[in-house]
Amino acid sequence: MKAVILAAGRGERLSPFTDRLPKPLLKVNGRSLIEHVLRALTEAGLTEFIIVEGYRGKALRAHIQREGLGSDIVFVHNPDYRRGNASSLLCAKEALDDEECFLLSMSDHIIEPALARAPLKEYKGESLLCIDRKPRYLIDVSEATKVLIDEEGFIRSIGKNLSEWNGVDTGVFLLNTAIFDVMLDSGLPPTLSDCMKRLIENSSLRACDVSGLFWIDVDTWDDFEYARKAVWIGSREED
């Protein structure tokens, strides 16, 4: 199975550092964000990667190649990265033409390998979203994308402003490539959440419960500072 990593965004909330560097190259405890992601996915057993780059993409490519962060990586450029992460996912379509499914991860979500392994074990043909019912390292729940999961394990609602929810989106998905048909049939939505809403309408998005596993989303300076401590704690707990 191939893994798609979305790494095209501008990262404006981490300016001024992202004025000269792509966000995935910001370092947390001596490793770039993209290196944390690649290491976790590799330890989970994934070996083929599609990295969608956009903002300062040449610098990102050069860093990954120079550091030898993966031997089987296909880079895809998204010239319209300002349109959002769904546009980046669509750019990976051609590189996934021969695949039934793929793992999807964000380049700014640091995760432990077990979190990536969970959907690989659970996949039975239906798209999965890894959710956390009791996130331990989330410092601002209001900024998180929430989900409402029914008793059968299907996701019924997704969004940041849900009044009723029982889980949080970790940013890791295992998607059937039919997602691209959904995107193209309905027009390109601006966010991944909108894509997921299309799947929810068809009762074809299940929750993969990864509660208790380490993950952290690095979006703001508060996240960035907290990640330095949390990554060390998470690594110690894995040991």
C-alpha atoms as a PDB file:
ATOM      1  CA  MET A   1       0.000   0.000   0.000  1.00  0.00           C
ATOM      2  CA  LYS A   2       1.161   3.520  -0.797  1.00  0.00           C
ATOM      3  CA  ALA A   3       1.033   6.459   1.592  1.00  0.00           C
ATOM      4  CA  VAL A   4       0.141   9.977   0.500  1.00  0.00           C
ATOM      5  CA  ILE A   5       1.530  12.850   2.560  1.00  0.00           C
ATOM      6  CA  LEU A   6       0.075  16.316   2.041  1.00  0.00           C
ATOM      7  CA  ALA A   7       2.868  18.871   2.370  1.00  0.00           C
ATOM      8  CA  ALA A   8       1.846  21.728   0.084  1.00  0.00           C
ATOM      9  CA  GLY A   9       0.374  24.351   2.404  1.00  0.00           C
ATOM     10  CA  ARG A  10       1.712  27.801   3.243  1.00  0.00           C
ATOM     11  CA  GLY A  11       1.710  27.451   7.041  1.00  0.00           C
ATOM     12  CA  GLU A  12       0.944  31.122   7.584  1.00  0.00           C
ATOM     13  CA  ARG A  13       0.244  30.734  11.289  1.00  0.00           C
ATOM     14  CA  LEU A  14       3.892  29.794  11.814  1.00  0.00           C
ATOM     15  CA  SER A  15       5.227  32.918  10.128  1.00  0.00           C
ATOM     16  CA  PRO A  16       7.927  34.338  10.047  1.00  0.00           C
ATOM     17  CA  PHE A  17       9.726  30.957   9.927  1.00  0.00           C
ATOM     18  CA  THR A  18       7.498  29.778   7.097  1.00  0.00           C
ATOM     19  CA  ASP A  19       8.281  32.928   5.123  1.00  0.00           C
ATOM     20  CA  ARG A  20      11.551  31.263   4.127  1.00  0.00           C
ATOM     21  CA  LEU A  21      10.942  27.568   4.815  1.00  0.00           C
ATOM     22  CA  PRO A  22       8.095  25.216   3.913  1.00  0.00           C
ATOM     23  CA  LYS A  23       6.258  24.258   7.084  1.00  0.00           C
ATOM     24  CA  PRO A  24       7.189  20.520   6.874  1.00  0.00           C
ATOM     25  CA  LEU A  25      10.857  21.491   7.321  1.00  0.00           C
ATOM     26  CA  LEU A  26      10.372  23.180  10.691  1.00  0.00           C
ATOM     27  CA  LYS A  27      12.234  21.132  13.274  1.00  0.00           C
ATOM     28  CA  VAL A  28      10.860  19.624  16.457  1.00  0.00           C
ATOM     29  CA  ASN A  29      13.536  18.110  18.683  1.00  0.00           C
ATOM     30  CA  GLY A  30      16.134  18.005  15.930  1.00  0.00           C
ATOM     31  CA  ARG A  31      13.930  16.450  13.228  1.00  0.00           C
ATOM     32  CA  SER A  32      11.807  18.153  10.614  1.00  0.00           C
ATOM     33  CA  LEU A  33       8.068  17.590  10.782  1.00  0.00           C
ATOM     34  CA  ILE A  34       8.179  15.629   7.521  1.00  0.00           C
ATOM     35  CA  GLU A  35      10.932  13.409   8.927  1.00  0.00           C
ATOM     36  CA  HIS A  36       8.809  12.587  11.968  1.00  0.00           C
ATOM     37  CA  VAL A  37       5.978  11.574   9.634  1.00  0.00           C
ATOM     38  CA  LEU A  38       8.124   9.511   7.267  1.00  0.00           C
ATOM     39  CA  ARG A  39       9.828   7.679  10.131  1.00  0.00           C
ATOM     40  CA  ALA A  40       6.501   6.771  11.734  1.00  0.00           C
ATOM     41  CA  LEU A  41       4.998   5.506   8.485  1.00  0.00           C
ATOM     42  CA  THR A  42       8.127   3.535   7.643  1.00  0.00           C
ATOM     43  CA  GLU A  43       8.132   1.893  11.071  1.00  0.00           C
ATOM     44  CA  ALA A  44       4.471   1.032  10.492  1.00  0.00           C
ATOM     45  CA  GLY A  45       5.551  -0.986   7.450  1.00  0.00           C
ATOM     46  CA  LEU A  46       4.890   1.448   4.606  1.00  0.00           C
ATOM     47  CA  THR A  47       7.650   1.813   2.021  1.00  0.00           C
ATOM     48  CA  GLU A  48       6.133   3.730  -0.933  1.00  0.00           C
ATOM     49  CA  PHE A  49       5.303   7.394  -0.526  1.00  0.00           C
ATOM     50  CA  ILE A  50       3.657  10.106  -2.601  1.00  0.00           C
ATOM     51  CA  ILE A  51       4.465  13.554  -1.239  1.00  0.00           C
ATOM     52  CA  VAL A  52       2.363  16.418  -2.552  1.00  0.00           C
ATOM     53  CA  GLU A  53       4.341  19.643  -2.299  1.00  0.00           C
ATOM     54  CA  GLY A  54       3.473  23.212  -3.235  1.00  0.00           C
ATOM     55  CA  TYR A  55       4.767  26.200  -1.287  1.00  0.00           C
ATOM     56  CA  ARG A  56       8.582  26.215  -1.575  1.00  0.00           C
ATOM     57  CA  GLY A  57       8.372  22.707  -2.951  1.00  0.00           C
ATOM     58  CA  LYS A  58      11.914  22.681  -4.344  1.00  0.00           C
ATOM     59  CA  ALA A  59      13.342  23.203  -0.862  1.00  0.00           C
ATOM     60  CA  LEU A  60      11.215  20.370   0.512  1.00  0.00           C
ATOM     61  CA  ARG A  61      12.309  17.980  -2.230  1.00  0.00           C
ATOM     62  CA  ALA A  62      15.960  18.892  -1.813  1.00  0.00           C
ATOM     63  CA  HIS A  63      15.845  18.336   1.945  1.00  0.00           C
ATOM     64  CA  ILE A  64      14.184  14.917   1.709  1.00  0.00           C
ATOM     65  CA  GLN A  65      16.582  13.749  -0.987  1.00  0.00           C
ATOM     66  CA  ARG A  66      19.634  15.134   0.802  1.00  0.00           C
ATOM     67  CA  GLU A  67      18.707  13.536   4.107  1.00  0.00           C
ATOM     68  CA  GLY A  68      17.797  10.205   2.488  1.00  0.00           C
ATOM     69  CA  LEU A  69      14.419  10.091   4.226  1.00  0.00           C
ATOM     70  CA  GLY A  70      12.963   7.491   1.874  1.00  0.00           C
ATOM     71  CA  SER A  71      14.115   5.403  -1.072  1.00  0.00           C
ATOM     72  CA  ASP A  72      10.767   5.109  -2.876  1.00  0.00           C
ATOM     73  CA  ILE A  73       9.228   8.573  -2.943  1.00  0.00           C
ATOM     74  CA  VAL A  74       7.250  10.169  -5.752  1.00  0.00           C
ATOM     75  CA  PHE A  75       6.902  13.945  -5.545  1.00  0.00           C
ATOM     76  CA  VAL A  76       3.823  15.627  -6.984  1.00  0.00           C
ATOM     77  CA  HIS A  77       3.545  19.397  -7.304  1.00  0.00           C
ATOM     78  CA  ASN A  78       0.331  21.262  -6.550  1.00  0.00           C
ATOM     79  CA  PRO A  79       0.490  24.694  -8.209  1.00  0.00           C
ATOM     80  CA  ASP A  80      -2.889  25.577  -6.668  1.00  0.00           C
ATOM     81  CA  TYR A  81      -1.972  24.744  -3.062  1.00  0.00           C
ATOM     82  CA  ARG A  82      -3.720  27.911  -1.852  1.00  0.00           C
ATOM     83  CA  ARG A  83      -7.048  26.223  -2.711  1.00  0.00           C
ATOM     84  CA  GLY A  84      -6.670  23.862   0.232  1.00  0.00           C
ATOM     85  CA  ASN A  85      -5.686  20.318   1.113  1.00  0.00           C
ATOM     86  CA  ALA A  86      -8.365  18.673  -1.040  1.00  0.00           C
ATOM     87  CA  SER A  87      -6.710  20.156  -4.118  1.00  0.00           C
ATOM     88  CA  SER A  88      -3.441  18.558  -2.977  1.00  0.00           C
ATOM     89  CA  LEU A  89      -5.087  15.170  -2.553  1.00  0.00           C
ATOM     90  CA  LEU A  90      -6.520  15.379  -6.057  1.00  0.00           C
ATOM     91  CA  CYS A  91      -3.011  15.960  -7.409  1.00  0.00           C
ATOM     92  CA  ALA A  92      -2.056  12.471  -6.165  1.00  0.00           C
ATOM     93  CA  LYS A  93      -4.758  10.763  -8.220  1.00  0.00           C
ATOM     94  CA  GLU A  94      -2.592   9.832 -11.202  1.00  0.00           C
ATOM     95  CA  ALA A  95       0.129   8.352  -8.993  1.00  0.00           C
ATOM     96  CA  LEU A  96      -2.529   6.106  -7.401  1.00  0.00           C
ATOM     97  CA  ASP A  97      -4.206   4.886 -10.591  1.00  0.00           C
ATOM     98  CA  ASP A  98      -3.277   1.230 -10.002  1.00  0.00           C
ATOM     99  CA  GLU A  99      -4.194   1.197  -6.310  1.00  0.00           C
ATOM    100  CA  GLU A 100      -7.363   0.098  -4.550  1.00  0.00           C
ATOM    101  CA  CYS A 101      -6.657   2.153  -1.445  1.00  0.00           C
ATOM    102  CA  PHE A 102      -3.998   4.301   0.184  1.00  0.00           C
ATOM    103  CA  LEU A 103      -3.016   5.726   3.553  1.00  0.00           C
ATOM    104  CA  LEU A 104      -3.327   9.497   3.839  1.00  0.00           C
ATOM    105  CA  SER A 105      -1.399  11.560   6.361  1.00  0.00           C
ATOM    106  CA  MET A 106      -0.694  15.224   6.944  1.00  0.00           C
ATOM    107  CA  SER A 107       2.911  16.460   6.978  1.00  0.00           C
ATOM    108  CA  ASP A 108       2.338  18.476  10.164  1.00  0.00           C
ATOM    109  CA  HIS A 109       0.740  15.716  12.277  1.00  0.00           C
ATOM    110  CA  ILE A 110       3.355  13.885  14.324  1.00  0.00           C
ATOM    111  CA  ILE A 111       2.150  10.367  15.062  1.00  0.00           C
ATOM    112  CA  GLU A 112       3.470   7.171  16.561  1.00  0.00           C
ATOM    113  CA  PRO A 113       3.848   4.139  14.238  1.00  0.00           C
ATOM    114  CA  ALA A 114       1.039   2.229  15.969  1.00  0.00           C
ATOM    115  CA  LEU A 115      -1.457   4.861  14.860  1.00  0.00           C
ATOM    116  CA  ALA A 116      -0.589   4.230  11.194  1.00  0.00           C
ATOM    117  CA  ARG A 117      -0.670   0.464  11.676  1.00  0.00           C
ATOM    118  CA  ALA A 118      -4.196   0.510  13.129  1.00  0.00           C
ATOM    119  CA  PRO A 119      -6.104   1.290   9.899  1.00  0.00           C
ATOM    120  CA  LEU A 120      -3.863  -1.078   7.916  1.00  0.00           C
ATOM    121  CA  LYS A 121      -5.058  -3.901  10.146  1.00  0.00           C
ATOM    122  CA  GLU A 122      -8.702  -2.797  10.217  1.00  0.00           C
ATOM    123  CA  TYR A 123      -9.316  -2.020   6.532  1.00  0.00           C
ATOM    124  CA  LYS A 124     -11.956  -4.233   4.909  1.00  0.00           C
ATOM    125  CA  GLY A 125     -12.792  -2.200   1.813  1.00  0.00           C
ATOM    126  CA  GLU A 126     -14.485   0.806   3.425  1.00  0.00           C
ATOM    127  CA  SER A 127     -12.689   4.099   3.921  1.00  0.00           C
ATOM    128  CA  LEU A 128     -11.445   4.756   7.448  1.00  0.00           C
ATOM    129  CA  LEU A 129     -10.679   7.860   9.480  1.00  0.00           C
ATOM    130  CA  CYS A 130      -8.524   7.412  12.576  1.00  0.00           C
ATOM    131  CA  ILE A 131     -10.281   9.068  15.494  1.00  0.00           C
ATOM    132  CA  ASP A 132      -9.372   9.721  19.101  1.00  0.00           C
ATOM    133  CA  ARG A 133     -12.159   9.743  21.682  1.00  0.00           C
ATOM    134  CA  LYS A 134      -9.974  11.138  24.473  1.00  0.00           C
ATOM    135  CA  PRO A 135      -7.030  13.067  22.932  1.00  0.00           C
ATOM    136  CA  ARG A 136      -4.255  13.480  25.488  1.00  0.00           C
ATOM    137  CA  TYR A 137      -2.034  15.914  23.572  1.00  0.00           C
ATOM    138  CA  LEU A 138      -4.618  18.268  22.081  1.00  0.00           C
ATOM    139  CA  ILE A 139      -4.157  21.699  23.608  1.00  0.00           C
ATOM    140  CA  ASP A 140      -7.101  23.474  21.951  1.00  0.00           C
ATOM    141  CA  VAL A 141     -10.181  21.345  21.281  1.00  0.00           C
ATOM    142  CA  SER A 142     -11.949  24.306  19.649  1.00  0.00           C
ATOM    143  CA  GLU A 143      -9.431  24.145  16.781  1.00  0.00           C
ATOM    144  CA  ALA A 144      -9.833  20.398  16.258  1.00  0.00           C
ATOM    145  CA  THR A 145     -12.014  18.738  13.641  1.00  0.00           C
ATOM    146  CA  LYS A 146     -14.613  16.709  15.529  1.00  0.00           C
ATOM    147  CA  VAL A 147     -16.640  13.693  14.478  1.00  0.00           C
ATOM    148  CA  LEU A 148     -19.865  12.054  15.579  1.00  0.00           C
ATOM    149  CA  ILE A 149     -19.704   8.245  15.451  1.00  0.00           C
ATOM    150  CA  ASP A 150     -22.762   6.026  15.602  1.00  0.00           C
ATOM    151  CA  GLU A 151     -23.095   2.699  17.422  1.00  0.00           C
ATOM    152  CA  GLU A 152     -22.102   0.741  14.315  1.00  0.00           C
ATOM    153  CA  GLY A 153     -18.832   2.635  13.933  1.00  0.00           C
ATOM    154  CA  PHE A 154     -19.871   4.848  11.022  1.00  0.00           C
ATOM    155  CA  ILE A 155     -19.043   8.547  11.098  1.00  0.00           C
ATOM    156  CA  ARG A 156     -22.241  10.596  10.831  1.00  0.00           C
ATOM    157  CA  SER A 157     -20.940  14.169  11.111  1.00  0.00           C
ATOM    158  CA  ILE A 158     -17.597  15.948  10.804  1.00  0.00           C
ATOM    159  CA  GLY A 159     -16.524  19.543  11.356  1.00  0.00           C
ATOM    160  CA  LYS A 160     -14.898  21.979  13.750  1.00  0.00           C
ATOM    161  CA  ASN A 161     -18.150  23.389  15.087  1.00  0.00           C
ATOM    162  CA  LEU A 162     -20.164  20.285  15.883  1.00  0.00           C
ATOM    163  CA  SER A 163     -22.409  20.740  18.920  1.00  0.00           C
ATOM    164  CA  GLU A 164     -22.504  16.966  19.467  1.00  0.00           C
ATOM    165  CA  TRP A 165     -19.376  14.870  18.972  1.00  0.00           C
ATOM    166  CA  ASN A 166     -17.610  11.856  20.449  1.00  0.00           C
ATOM    167  CA  GLY A 167     -14.248  11.820  18.707  1.00  0.00           C
ATOM    168  CA  VAL A 168     -11.518  13.949  17.135  1.00  0.00           C
ATOM    169  CA  ASP A 169     -10.030  13.641  13.645  1.00  0.00           C
ATOM    170  CA  THR A 170      -6.317  12.696  13.922  1.00  0.00           C
ATOM    171  CA  GLY A 171      -5.505  13.535  10.299  1.00  0.00           C
ATOM    172  CA  VAL A 172      -4.779   9.921   9.306  1.00  0.00           C
ATOM    173  CA  PHE A 173      -7.054   8.162   6.829  1.00  0.00           C
ATOM    174  CA  LEU A 174      -7.130   4.922   4.899  1.00  0.00           C
ATOM    175  CA  LEU A 175      -9.147   5.754   1.805  1.00  0.00           C
ATOM    176  CA  ASN A 176     -10.479   3.771  -1.097  1.00  0.00           C
ATOM    177  CA  THR A 177      -9.424   5.419  -4.372  1.00  0.00           C
ATOM    178  CA  ALA A 178     -13.133   5.845  -5.137  1.00  0.00           C
ATOM    179  CA  ILE A 179     -12.734   9.072  -3.148  1.00  0.00           C
ATOM    180  CA  PHE A 180     -11.495  10.671  -6.363  1.00  0.00           C
ATOM    181  CA  ASP A 181     -14.754   9.858  -8.143  1.00  0.00           C
ATOM    182  CA  VAL A 182     -16.624  11.519  -5.289  1.00  0.00           C
ATOM    183  CA  MET A 183     -14.437  14.620  -5.580  1.00  0.00           C
ATOM    184  CA  LEU A 184     -14.718  14.906  -9.353  1.00  0.00           C
ATOM    185  CA  ASP A 185     -18.462  14.196  -9.492  1.00  0.00           C
ATOM    186  CA  SER A 186     -19.333  16.895  -6.988  1.00  0.00           C
ATOM    187  CA  GLY A 187     -16.736  19.477  -7.945  1.00  0.00           C
ATOM    188  CA  LEU A 188     -13.555  20.139  -6.013  1.00  0.00           C
ATOM    189  CA  PRO A 189     -14.383  20.930  -2.380  1.00  0.00           C
ATOM    190  CA  PRO A 190     -12.118  23.324  -0.493  1.00  0.00           C
ATOM    191  CA  THR A 191     -11.263  20.984   2.394  1.00  0.00           C
ATOM    192  CA  LEU A 192     -10.832  17.329   3.201  1.00  0.00           C
ATOM    193  CA  SER A 193     -13.727  17.612   5.637  1.00  0.00           C
ATOM    194  CA  ASP A 194     -15.992  18.424   2.706  1.00  0.00           C
ATOM    195  CA  CYS A 195     -14.739  15.311   0.905  1.00  0.00           C
ATOM    196  CA  MET A 196     -15.457  13.251   3.995  1.00  0.00           C
ATOM    197  CA  LYS A 197     -18.967  14.696   4.186  1.00  0.00           C
ATOM    198  CA  ARG A 198     -19.617  13.274   0.720  1.00  0.00           C
ATOM    199  CA  LEU A 199     -18.582   9.827   1.988  1.00  0.00           C
ATOM    200  CA  ILE A 200     -20.695  10.230   5.111  1.00  0.00           C
ATOM    201  CA  GLU A 201     -23.761  10.937   2.972  1.00  0.00           C
ATOM    202  CA  ASN A 202     -23.253   7.503   1.401  1.00  0.00           C
ATOM    203  CA  SER A 203     -22.568   5.780   4.760  1.00  0.00           C
ATOM    204  CA  SER A 204     -19.104   4.817   3.548  1.00  0.00           C
ATOM    205  CA  LEU A 205     -16.755   6.317   6.142  1.00  0.00           C
ATOM    206  CA  ARG A 206     -15.950   4.302   9.244  1.00  0.00           C
ATOM    207  CA  ALA A 207     -14.082   5.295  12.378  1.00  0.00           C
ATOM    208  CA  CYS A 208     -10.844   3.561  13.289  1.00  0.00           C
ATOM    209  CA  ASP A 209     -10.433   4.091  17.020  1.00  0.00           C
ATOM    210  CA  VAL A 210      -6.841   4.982  17.944  1.00  0.00           C
ATOM    211  CA  SER A 211      -7.631   6.478  21.346  1.00  0.00           C
ATOM    212  CA  GLY A 212      -4.629   6.526  23.656  1.00  0.00           C
ATOM    213  CA  LEU A 213      -2.031   6.551  20.880  1.00  0.00           C
ATOM    214  CA  PHE A 214       0.316   9.496  20.444  1.00  0.00           C
ATOM    215  CA  TRP A 215      -0.420  12.214  17.882  1.00  0.00           C
ATOM    216  CA  ILE A 216      -0.156  15.965  17.754  1.00  0.00           C
ATOM    217  CA  ASP A 217      -1.186  18.521  15.144  1.00  0.00           C
ATOM    218  CA  VAL A 218       1.324  21.368  14.737  1.00  0.00           C
ATOM    219  CA  ASP A 219      -0.627  24.366  13.428  1.00  0.00           C
ATOM    220  CA  THR A 220       0.227  27.305  15.686  1.00  0.00           C
ATOM    221  CA  TRP A 221       3.137  28.576  17.748  1.00  0.00           C
ATOM    222  CA  ASP A 222       1.503  27.166  20.867  1.00  0.00           C
ATOM    223  CA  ASP A 223       1.309  23.763  19.142  1.00  0.00           C
ATOM    224  CA  PHE A 224       4.922  24.068  18.019  1.00  0.00           C
ATOM    225  CA  GLU A 225       6.226  24.839  21.497  1.00  0.00           C
ATOM    226  CA  TYR A 226       4.088  22.133  23.080  1.00  0.00           C
ATOM    227  CA  ALA A 227       5.192  19.571  20.479  1.00  0.00           C
ATOM    228  CA  ARG A 228       8.794  19.812  21.642  1.00  0.00           C
ATOM    229  CA  LYS A 229       7.794  18.480  25.054  1.00  0.00           C
ATOM    230  CA  ALA A 230       5.033  16.154  23.870  1.00  0.00           C
ATOM    231  CA  VAL A 231       7.147  14.374  21.242  1.00  0.00           C
ATOM    232  CA  TRP A 232       9.758  13.527  23.856  1.00  0.00           C
ATOM    233  CA  ILE A 233       7.086  12.253  26.238  1.00  0.00           C
ATOM    234  CA  GLY A 234       5.441  10.233  23.481  1.00  0.00           C
ATOM    235  CA  SER A 235       8.745   8.669  22.481  1.00  0.00           C
ATOM    236  CA  ARG A 236       9.499   7.729  26.081  1.00  0.00           C
ATOM    237  CA  GLU A 237       6.081   6.080  26.470  1.00  0.00           C
ATOM    238  CA  GLU A 238       6.627   4.061  23.265  1.00  0.00           C
ATOM    239  CA  ASP A 239       9.933   2.803  24.672  1.00  0.00           C
END
